[in-house]
Amino acid sequence: MGMAAGGGGLQSEINVTPMVDIMLVLLIIFMVVTPFLQQGITVAIPREMRNPDVDPRIIKESSVVISVPNDGQYYLGKTLVAKPDLADKVDRMLKNIKVEEDKIVYIKSGVNVSYGEVVGVINEVRKLGVDKIGLVADKKKGGGAPKPS
């Protein structure tokens, strides 16, 4: 708020040129950096893993449990079954179950079994009209916290 009598005194106007320069530089920085921040979807992985709840229906004598210990090996209960016969035998077992709520097919898979094998079994079961499929996980041994890796 100076009172300039001539041309070289104080100005009463705000000089916005430096502020515009700073804002443009910040805009360019954000435009360049933003694509690098969006490389994937961040998923929070649980640190303390608890054992899954056991479905009491899996223990029943009439429950349908398909086990795939290795690629190409299929067990229905404890019986080794060829893949072409798997759907027929599962269908027969499901027809013996009277309660609609108990018509669940459980699938257990080995650690080294390929994803495609498991998906193939799920597809065969879905062709039978089953919409309740349970994937079985082993209980974690030991009650403590997981070991850091």
N, C-alpha and C. Protein backbone atom coordinates (compact mmCIF):
# COMPACT_ATOMS: atom_id res chain seq x y z
N MET A 1 0.81 -1.14 0.00
CA MET A 1 0.00 0.00 0.00
C MET A 1 0.87 1.23 0.00
N GLY A 2 1.68 1.19 -0.90
CA GLY A 2 2.55 2.36 -0.99
C GLY A 2 1.92 3.42 -1.85
N MET A 3 2.42 4.57 -1.64
CA MET A 3 1.92 5.68 -2.42
C MET A 3 3.03 6.10 -3.35
N ALA A 4 2.88 5.68 -4.56
CA ALA A 4 3.93 5.96 -5.51
C ALA A 4 3.68 7.29 -6.19
N ALA A 5 4.69 8.11 -6.14
CA ALA A 5 4.58 9.41 -6.78
C ALA A 5 5.10 9.35 -8.20
N GLY A 6 5.92 8.31 -8.41
CA GLY A 6 6.50 8.23 -9.74
C GLY A 6 6.40 6.82 -10.26
N GLY A 7 7.26 6.45 -11.16
CA GLY A 7 7.21 5.14 -11.77
C GLY A 7 7.97 4.08 -11.01
N GLY A 8 8.85 4.40 -10.07
CA GLY A 8 9.67 3.39 -9.44
C GLY A 8 9.30 3.05 -8.02
N GLY A 9 8.14 3.41 -7.54
CA GLY A 9 7.75 3.17 -6.15
C GLY A 9 7.04 1.84 -5.96
N LEU A 10 6.34 1.72 -4.85
CA LEU A 10 5.60 0.51 -4.52
C LEU A 10 4.34 0.41 -5.37
N GLN A 11 3.93 -0.89 -5.62
CA GLN A 11 2.72 -1.12 -6.41
C GLN A 11 1.62 -1.64 -5.48
N SER A 12 0.40 -1.28 -5.76
CA SER A 12 -0.71 -1.76 -4.96
C SER A 12 -1.40 -2.96 -5.60
N GLU A 13 -0.87 -3.51 -6.65
CA GLU A 13 -1.44 -4.67 -7.33
C GLU A 13 -0.66 -5.93 -6.97
N ILE A 14 -1.37 -7.07 -6.93
CA ILE A 14 -0.72 -8.34 -6.62
C ILE A 14 -0.16 -8.91 -7.92
N ASN A 15 1.08 -9.33 -7.87
CA ASN A 15 1.73 -9.93 -9.03
C ASN A 15 1.47 -11.43 -8.99
N VAL A 16 0.60 -11.93 -9.86
CA VAL A 16 0.19 -13.33 -9.84
C VAL A 16 1.04 -14.21 -10.76
N THR A 17 1.95 -13.67 -11.48
CA THR A 17 2.77 -14.45 -12.41
C THR A 17 3.58 -15.52 -11.70
N PRO A 18 4.25 -15.25 -10.58
CA PRO A 18 4.99 -16.34 -9.91
C PRO A 18 4.05 -17.45 -9.39
N MET A 19 2.87 -17.07 -8.92
CA MET A 19 1.93 -18.07 -8.42
C MET A 19 1.44 -18.96 -9.57
N VAL A 20 1.16 -18.39 -10.73
CA VAL A 20 0.73 -19.17 -11.88
C VAL A 20 1.84 -20.11 -12.33
N ASP A 21 3.08 -19.66 -12.31
CA ASP A 21 4.21 -20.51 -12.68
C ASP A 21 4.31 -21.72 -11.74
N ILE A 22 4.17 -21.48 -10.45
CA ILE A 22 4.25 -22.57 -9.47
C ILE A 22 3.10 -23.56 -9.68
N MET A 23 1.90 -23.06 -9.93
CA MET A 23 0.75 -23.93 -10.12
C MET A 23 0.90 -24.77 -11.39
N LEU A 24 1.45 -24.20 -12.44
CA LEU A 24 1.67 -24.97 -13.67
C LEU A 24 2.71 -26.06 -13.46
N VAL A 25 3.76 -25.76 -12.74
CA VAL A 25 4.79 -26.75 -12.45
C VAL A 25 4.19 -27.90 -11.62
N LEU A 26 3.39 -27.57 -10.60
CA LEU A 26 2.75 -28.60 -9.79
C LEU A 26 1.79 -29.45 -10.62
N LEU A 27 1.04 -28.81 -11.50
CA LEU A 27 0.12 -29.54 -12.37
C LEU A 27 0.88 -30.53 -13.25
N ILE A 28 1.97 -30.12 -13.83
CA ILE A 28 2.76 -31.00 -14.68
C ILE A 28 3.33 -32.17 -13.87
N ILE A 29 3.81 -31.88 -12.67
CA ILE A 29 4.36 -32.94 -11.80
C ILE A 29 3.27 -33.97 -11.49
N PHE A 30 2.07 -33.53 -11.12
CA PHE A 30 0.99 -34.46 -10.80
C PHE A 30 0.55 -35.25 -12.03
N MET A 31 0.54 -34.61 -13.20
CA MET A 31 0.15 -35.32 -14.41
C MET A 31 1.17 -36.41 -14.78
N VAL A 32 2.42 -36.17 -14.50
CA VAL A 32 3.45 -37.16 -14.81
C VAL A 32 3.46 -38.29 -13.78
N VAL A 33 3.28 -37.99 -12.52
CA VAL A 33 3.40 -38.97 -11.44
C VAL A 33 2.16 -39.85 -11.31
N THR A 34 0.98 -39.33 -11.58
CA THR A 34 -0.27 -40.05 -11.35
C THR A 34 -0.35 -41.41 -12.05
N PRO A 35 0.02 -41.56 -13.32
CA PRO A 35 -0.07 -42.89 -13.94
C PRO A 35 0.79 -43.94 -13.25
N PHE A 36 1.89 -43.55 -12.64
CA PHE A 36 2.75 -44.51 -11.97
C PHE A 36 2.16 -44.98 -10.65
N LEU A 37 1.24 -44.23 -10.09
CA LEU A 37 0.64 -44.61 -8.82
C LEU A 37 -0.46 -45.65 -9.00
N GLN A 38 -0.98 -45.85 -10.21
CA GLN A 38 -2.11 -46.73 -10.45
C GLN A 38 -1.67 -47.99 -11.19
N GLN A 39 -0.73 -48.75 -10.66
CA GLN A 39 -0.23 -49.93 -11.35
C GLN A 39 -1.07 -51.17 -11.08
N GLY A 40 -1.80 -51.23 -10.01
CA GLY A 40 -2.60 -52.41 -9.71
C GLY A 40 -3.59 -52.10 -8.62
N ILE A 41 -4.38 -53.09 -8.30
CA ILE A 41 -5.37 -52.93 -7.25
C ILE A 41 -4.73 -53.34 -5.93
N THR A 42 -4.80 -52.48 -4.96
CA THR A 42 -4.22 -52.77 -3.67
C THR A 42 -5.20 -53.60 -2.87
N VAL A 43 -4.72 -54.72 -2.36
CA VAL A 43 -5.55 -55.60 -1.55
C VAL A 43 -4.86 -55.78 -0.21
N ALA A 44 -5.60 -55.53 0.85
CA ALA A 44 -5.04 -55.72 2.18
C ALA A 44 -5.04 -57.20 2.51
N ILE A 45 -3.88 -57.77 2.72
CA ILE A 45 -3.75 -59.18 3.05
C ILE A 45 -3.76 -59.33 4.56
N PRO A 46 -4.58 -60.24 5.06
CA PRO A 46 -4.66 -60.38 6.52
C PRO A 46 -3.35 -60.89 7.10
N ARG A 47 -2.94 -60.31 8.20
CA ARG A 47 -1.71 -60.71 8.87
C ARG A 47 -1.93 -61.94 9.74
N GLU A 48 -3.02 -61.97 10.44
CA GLU A 48 -3.30 -63.07 11.33
C GLU A 48 -4.37 -63.94 10.70
N MET A 49 -3.96 -65.10 10.21
CA MET A 49 -4.90 -65.96 9.53
C MET A 49 -5.52 -66.93 10.53
N ARG A 50 -6.84 -67.00 10.52
CA ARG A 50 -7.55 -67.93 11.38
C ARG A 50 -7.98 -69.13 10.55
N ASN A 51 -8.21 -70.22 11.23
CA ASN A 51 -8.71 -71.41 10.55
C ASN A 51 -10.14 -71.16 10.10
N PRO A 52 -10.49 -71.64 8.90
CA PRO A 52 -11.87 -71.46 8.44
C PRO A 52 -12.82 -72.29 9.29
N ASP A 53 -14.06 -71.84 9.35
CA ASP A 53 -15.07 -72.59 10.08
C ASP A 53 -15.34 -73.89 9.33
N VAL A 54 -15.49 -74.96 10.08
CA VAL A 54 -15.76 -76.26 9.48
C VAL A 54 -17.25 -76.41 9.26
N ASP A 55 -17.63 -76.76 8.04
CA ASP A 55 -19.03 -77.01 7.73
C ASP A 55 -19.37 -78.40 8.27
N PRO A 56 -20.31 -78.50 9.19
CA PRO A 56 -20.61 -79.81 9.78
C PRO A 56 -21.17 -80.81 8.77
N ARG A 57 -21.66 -80.35 7.63
CA ARG A 57 -22.23 -81.26 6.62
C ARG A 57 -21.16 -82.03 5.87
N ILE A 58 -19.90 -81.57 5.89
CA ILE A 58 -18.85 -82.25 5.14
C ILE A 58 -18.50 -83.59 5.78
N ILE A 59 -18.80 -83.75 7.06
CA ILE A 59 -18.45 -84.97 7.79
C ILE A 59 -19.48 -86.07 7.56
N LYS A 60 -20.67 -85.71 7.11
CA LYS A 60 -21.74 -86.69 6.92
C LYS A 60 -21.33 -87.78 5.93
N GLU A 61 -21.90 -88.93 6.13
CA GLU A 61 -21.63 -90.07 5.25
C GLU A 61 -22.10 -89.80 3.82
N SER A 62 -23.19 -89.05 3.69
CA SER A 62 -23.78 -88.81 2.37
C SER A 62 -23.20 -87.59 1.66
N SER A 63 -22.26 -86.89 2.28
CA SER A 63 -21.72 -85.68 1.64
C SER A 63 -20.88 -86.04 0.42
N VAL A 64 -20.91 -85.16 -0.56
CA VAL A 64 -20.19 -85.38 -1.82
C VAL A 64 -18.89 -84.59 -1.76
N VAL A 65 -17.77 -85.32 -1.67
CA VAL A 65 -16.45 -84.69 -1.57
C VAL A 65 -15.60 -85.20 -2.72
N ILE A 66 -15.18 -84.28 -3.59
CA ILE A 66 -14.29 -84.62 -4.70
C ILE A 66 -12.89 -84.14 -4.32
N SER A 67 -11.93 -85.07 -4.36
CA SER A 67 -10.55 -84.73 -4.03
C SER A 67 -9.70 -84.84 -5.29
N VAL A 68 -8.84 -83.85 -5.49
CA VAL A 68 -7.91 -83.85 -6.62
C VAL A 68 -6.51 -83.70 -6.03
N PRO A 69 -5.86 -84.83 -5.63
CA PRO A 69 -4.54 -84.72 -5.00
C PRO A 69 -3.43 -84.34 -5.98
N ASN A 70 -3.54 -84.80 -7.22
CA ASN A 70 -2.56 -84.49 -8.27
C ASN A 70 -3.31 -84.28 -9.57
N ASP A 71 -2.65 -83.66 -10.54
CA ASP A 71 -3.28 -83.46 -11.84
C ASP A 71 -3.68 -84.81 -12.42
N GLY A 72 -4.95 -84.94 -12.83
CA GLY A 72 -5.43 -86.16 -13.46
C GLY A 72 -5.93 -87.22 -12.50
N GLN A 73 -5.82 -87.03 -11.20
CA GLN A 73 -6.34 -87.99 -10.23
C GLN A 73 -7.58 -87.41 -9.57
N TYR A 74 -8.66 -88.19 -9.56
CA TYR A 74 -9.91 -87.72 -9.00
C TYR A 74 -10.45 -88.79 -8.05
N TYR A 75 -10.80 -88.35 -6.86
CA TYR A 75 -11.38 -89.25 -5.86
C TYR A 75 -12.75 -88.71 -5.49
N LEU A 76 -13.70 -89.62 -5.40
CA LEU A 76 -15.03 -89.29 -4.91
C LEU A 76 -15.15 -90.00 -3.58
N GLY A 77 -15.07 -89.23 -2.51
CA GLY A 77 -14.93 -89.83 -1.19
C GLY A 77 -13.53 -90.41 -1.10
N LYS A 78 -13.44 -91.74 -0.95
CA LYS A 78 -12.14 -92.40 -0.91
C LYS A 78 -11.93 -93.31 -2.11
N THR A 79 -12.81 -93.20 -3.10
CA THR A 79 -12.76 -94.07 -4.27
C THR A 79 -12.15 -93.32 -5.45
N LEU A 80 -11.15 -93.94 -6.09
CA LEU A 80 -10.54 -93.38 -7.29
C LEU A 80 -11.53 -93.47 -8.44
N VAL A 81 -11.73 -92.35 -9.15
CA VAL A 81 -12.72 -92.29 -10.22
C VAL A 81 -12.05 -91.68 -11.45
N ALA A 82 -12.36 -92.22 -12.62
CA ALA A 82 -11.88 -91.63 -13.86
C ALA A 82 -12.69 -90.37 -14.15
N LYS A 83 -12.07 -89.40 -14.80
CA LYS A 83 -12.74 -88.12 -15.04
C LYS A 83 -14.03 -88.26 -15.84
N PRO A 84 -14.09 -89.13 -16.87
CA PRO A 84 -15.36 -89.25 -17.61
C PRO A 84 -16.51 -89.79 -16.74
N ASP A 85 -16.19 -90.57 -15.72
CA ASP A 85 -17.23 -91.15 -14.86
C ASP A 85 -17.59 -90.25 -13.68
N LEU A 86 -16.83 -89.20 -13.47
CA LEU A 86 -17.00 -88.37 -12.27
C LEU A 86 -18.39 -87.73 -12.22
N ALA A 87 -18.83 -87.14 -13.31
CA ALA A 87 -20.13 -86.45 -13.31
C ALA A 87 -21.28 -87.41 -13.04
N ASP A 88 -21.23 -88.61 -13.63
CA ASP A 88 -22.32 -89.58 -13.42
C ASP A 88 -22.39 -90.02 -11.96
N LYS A 89 -21.24 -90.29 -11.37
CA LYS A 89 -21.23 -90.76 -9.98
C LYS A 89 -21.65 -89.66 -9.02
N VAL A 90 -21.24 -88.43 -9.29
CA VAL A 90 -21.66 -87.31 -8.45
C VAL A 90 -23.16 -87.11 -8.57
N ASP A 91 -23.68 -87.22 -9.78
CA ASP A 91 -25.13 -87.06 -9.99
C ASP A 91 -25.91 -88.12 -9.23
N ARG A 92 -25.44 -89.37 -9.24
CA ARG A 92 -26.10 -90.44 -8.49
C ARG A 92 -26.09 -90.16 -6.99
N MET A 93 -24.95 -89.67 -6.50
CA MET A 93 -24.86 -89.35 -5.06
C MET A 93 -25.80 -88.21 -4.70
N LEU A 94 -25.90 -87.21 -5.57
CA LEU A 94 -26.76 -86.07 -5.28
C LEU A 94 -28.24 -86.47 -5.29
N LYS A 95 -28.61 -87.43 -6.14
CA LYS A 95 -30.01 -87.88 -6.18
C LYS A 95 -30.40 -88.63 -4.91
N ASN A 96 -29.42 -89.21 -4.21
CA ASN A 96 -29.69 -89.92 -2.96
C ASN A 96 -29.89 -88.98 -1.78
N ILE A 97 -29.50 -87.71 -1.93
CA ILE A 97 -29.66 -86.74 -0.85
C ILE A 97 -31.07 -86.18 -0.92
N LYS A 98 -31.81 -86.34 0.16
CA LYS A 98 -33.22 -85.92 0.18
C LYS A 98 -33.40 -84.43 0.44
N VAL A 99 -32.61 -83.88 1.38
CA VAL A 99 -32.76 -82.48 1.77
C VAL A 99 -32.02 -81.60 0.76
N GLU A 100 -32.76 -80.66 0.17
CA GLU A 100 -32.17 -79.77 -0.84
C GLU A 100 -31.02 -78.94 -0.27
N GLU A 101 -31.11 -78.60 1.00
CA GLU A 101 -30.09 -77.78 1.65
C GLU A 101 -28.75 -78.51 1.77
N ASP A 102 -28.77 -79.83 1.79
CA ASP A 102 -27.55 -80.63 1.92
C ASP A 102 -26.91 -80.97 0.58
N LYS A 103 -27.47 -80.51 -0.53
CA LYS A 103 -26.91 -80.81 -1.84
C LYS A 103 -25.77 -79.84 -2.16
N ILE A 104 -24.66 -80.12 -1.51
CA ILE A 104 -23.44 -79.32 -1.69
C ILE A 104 -22.33 -80.26 -2.14
N VAL A 105 -21.54 -79.82 -3.09
CA VAL A 105 -20.39 -80.59 -3.53
C VAL A 105 -19.14 -79.88 -3.02
N TYR A 106 -18.32 -80.61 -2.27
CA TYR A 106 -17.08 -80.07 -1.72
C TYR A 106 -15.92 -80.51 -2.60
N ILE A 107 -15.02 -79.60 -2.87
CA ILE A 107 -13.86 -79.90 -3.72
C ILE A 107 -12.59 -79.61 -2.93
N LYS A 108 -11.74 -80.64 -2.83
CA LYS A 108 -10.43 -80.50 -2.18
C LYS A 108 -9.38 -80.64 -3.27
N SER A 109 -8.37 -79.81 -3.19
CA SER A 109 -7.33 -79.83 -4.21
C SER A 109 -5.96 -79.82 -3.57
N GLY A 110 -5.02 -80.54 -4.17
CA GLY A 110 -3.65 -80.54 -3.70
C GLY A 110 -2.96 -79.23 -4.02
N VAL A 111 -1.85 -78.98 -3.37
CA VAL A 111 -1.12 -77.72 -3.55
C VAL A 111 -0.59 -77.58 -4.97
N ASN A 112 -0.13 -78.66 -5.55
CA ASN A 112 0.50 -78.60 -6.87
C ASN A 112 -0.47 -78.86 -8.02
N VAL A 113 -1.75 -78.94 -7.73
CA VAL A 113 -2.75 -79.16 -8.79
C VAL A 113 -2.95 -77.86 -9.55
N SER A 114 -3.00 -77.98 -10.87
CA SER A 114 -3.15 -76.78 -11.69
C SER A 114 -4.55 -76.20 -11.53
N TYR A 115 -4.62 -74.92 -11.71
CA TYR A 115 -5.89 -74.19 -11.60
C TYR A 115 -6.92 -74.74 -12.59
N GLY A 116 -6.46 -75.11 -13.78
CA GLY A 116 -7.36 -75.62 -14.82
C GLY A 116 -8.05 -76.91 -14.40
N GLU A 117 -7.35 -77.77 -13.67
CA GLU A 117 -7.96 -79.02 -13.20
C GLU A 117 -9.13 -78.73 -12.26
N VAL A 118 -8.91 -77.80 -11.34
CA VAL A 118 -9.97 -77.46 -10.37
C VAL A 118 -11.15 -76.82 -11.08
N VAL A 119 -10.88 -75.93 -12.00
CA VAL A 119 -11.96 -75.28 -12.76
C VAL A 119 -12.72 -76.31 -13.59
N GLY A 120 -12.01 -77.29 -14.14
CA GLY A 120 -12.67 -78.35 -14.90
C GLY A 120 -13.63 -79.15 -14.04
N VAL A 121 -13.23 -79.46 -12.80
CA VAL A 121 -14.12 -80.18 -11.89
C VAL A 121 -15.33 -79.32 -11.53
N ILE A 122 -15.09 -78.04 -11.27
CA ILE A 122 -16.21 -77.13 -10.95
C ILE A 122 -17.18 -77.05 -12.12
N ASN A 123 -16.67 -76.99 -13.34
CA ASN A 123 -17.55 -76.93 -14.51
C ASN A 123 -18.38 -78.20 -14.66
N GLU A 124 -17.77 -79.36 -14.40
CA GLU A 124 -18.51 -80.62 -14.48
C GLU A 124 -19.64 -80.65 -13.45
N VAL A 125 -19.36 -80.15 -12.26
CA VAL A 125 -20.37 -80.13 -11.20
C VAL A 125 -21.49 -79.15 -11.54
N ARG A 126 -21.13 -78.02 -12.10
CA ARG A 126 -22.15 -77.02 -12.47
C ARG A 126 -23.06 -77.51 -13.59
N LYS A 127 -22.53 -78.35 -14.47
CA LYS A 127 -23.37 -78.91 -15.54
C LYS A 127 -24.48 -79.77 -14.96
N LEU A 128 -24.27 -80.28 -13.75
CA LEU A 128 -25.29 -81.11 -13.10
C LEU A 128 -26.37 -80.26 -12.44
N GLY A 129 -26.22 -78.96 -12.47
CA GLY A 129 -27.21 -78.07 -11.88
C GLY A 129 -26.94 -77.73 -10.43
N VAL A 130 -25.75 -78.03 -9.96
CA VAL A 130 -25.39 -77.74 -8.58
C VAL A 130 -24.91 -76.29 -8.49
N ASP A 131 -25.51 -75.53 -7.58
CA ASP A 131 -25.06 -74.15 -7.42
C ASP A 131 -24.34 -73.94 -6.09
N LYS A 132 -24.29 -74.95 -5.25
CA LYS A 132 -23.57 -74.85 -3.98
C LYS A 132 -22.31 -75.71 -4.07
N ILE A 133 -21.18 -75.04 -4.21
CA ILE A 133 -19.89 -75.72 -4.29
C ILE A 133 -19.00 -75.16 -3.20
N GLY A 134 -18.43 -76.05 -2.40
CA GLY A 134 -17.55 -75.62 -1.32
C GLY A 134 -16.12 -76.00 -1.64
N LEU A 135 -15.22 -75.06 -1.51
CA LEU A 135 -13.79 -75.33 -1.67
C LEU A 135 -13.22 -75.56 -0.28
N VAL A 136 -12.58 -76.70 -0.07
CA VAL A 136 -12.12 -77.10 1.25
C VAL A 136 -10.67 -76.69 1.44
N ALA A 137 -10.40 -76.07 2.58
CA ALA A 137 -9.03 -75.66 2.93
C ALA A 137 -8.61 -76.41 4.18
N ASP A 138 -7.32 -76.73 4.26
CA ASP A 138 -6.80 -77.39 5.44
C ASP A 138 -6.70 -76.41 6.59
N LYS A 139 -6.80 -76.96 7.78
CA LYS A 139 -6.60 -76.11 8.96
C LYS A 139 -5.12 -75.83 9.13
N LYS A 140 -4.83 -74.64 9.60
CA LYS A 140 -3.46 -74.25 9.86
C LYS A 140 -2.98 -74.98 11.10
N LYS A 141 -1.82 -75.59 11.02
CA LYS A 141 -1.29 -76.32 12.16
C LYS A 141 -0.67 -75.36 13.15
N GLY A 142 -0.85 -75.62 14.41
CA GLY A 142 -0.31 -74.74 15.44
C GLY A 142 -1.24 -73.57 15.67
N GLY A 143 -1.36 -73.13 16.88
CA GLY A 143 -2.32 -72.09 17.20
C GLY A 143 -1.73 -70.70 17.17
N GLY A 144 -0.44 -70.56 16.98
CA GLY A 144 0.20 -69.26 17.07
C GLY A 144 0.03 -68.43 15.81
N ALA A 145 0.64 -67.28 15.85
CA ALA A 145 0.61 -66.38 14.70
C ALA A 145 1.46 -66.96 13.58
N PRO A 146 1.16 -66.59 12.33
CA PRO A 146 1.94 -67.11 11.22
C PRO A 146 3.37 -66.62 11.27
N LYS A 147 4.26 -67.46 10.76
CA LYS A 147 5.68 -67.10 10.74
C LYS A 147 5.91 -66.03 9.68
N PRO A 148 6.72 -65.06 9.98
CA PRO A 148 7.00 -64.04 8.96
C PRO A 148 7.83 -64.65 7.85
N SER A 149 7.55 -64.20 6.62
CA SER A 149 8.29 -64.77 5.50
C SER A 149 9.31 -63.81 4.96
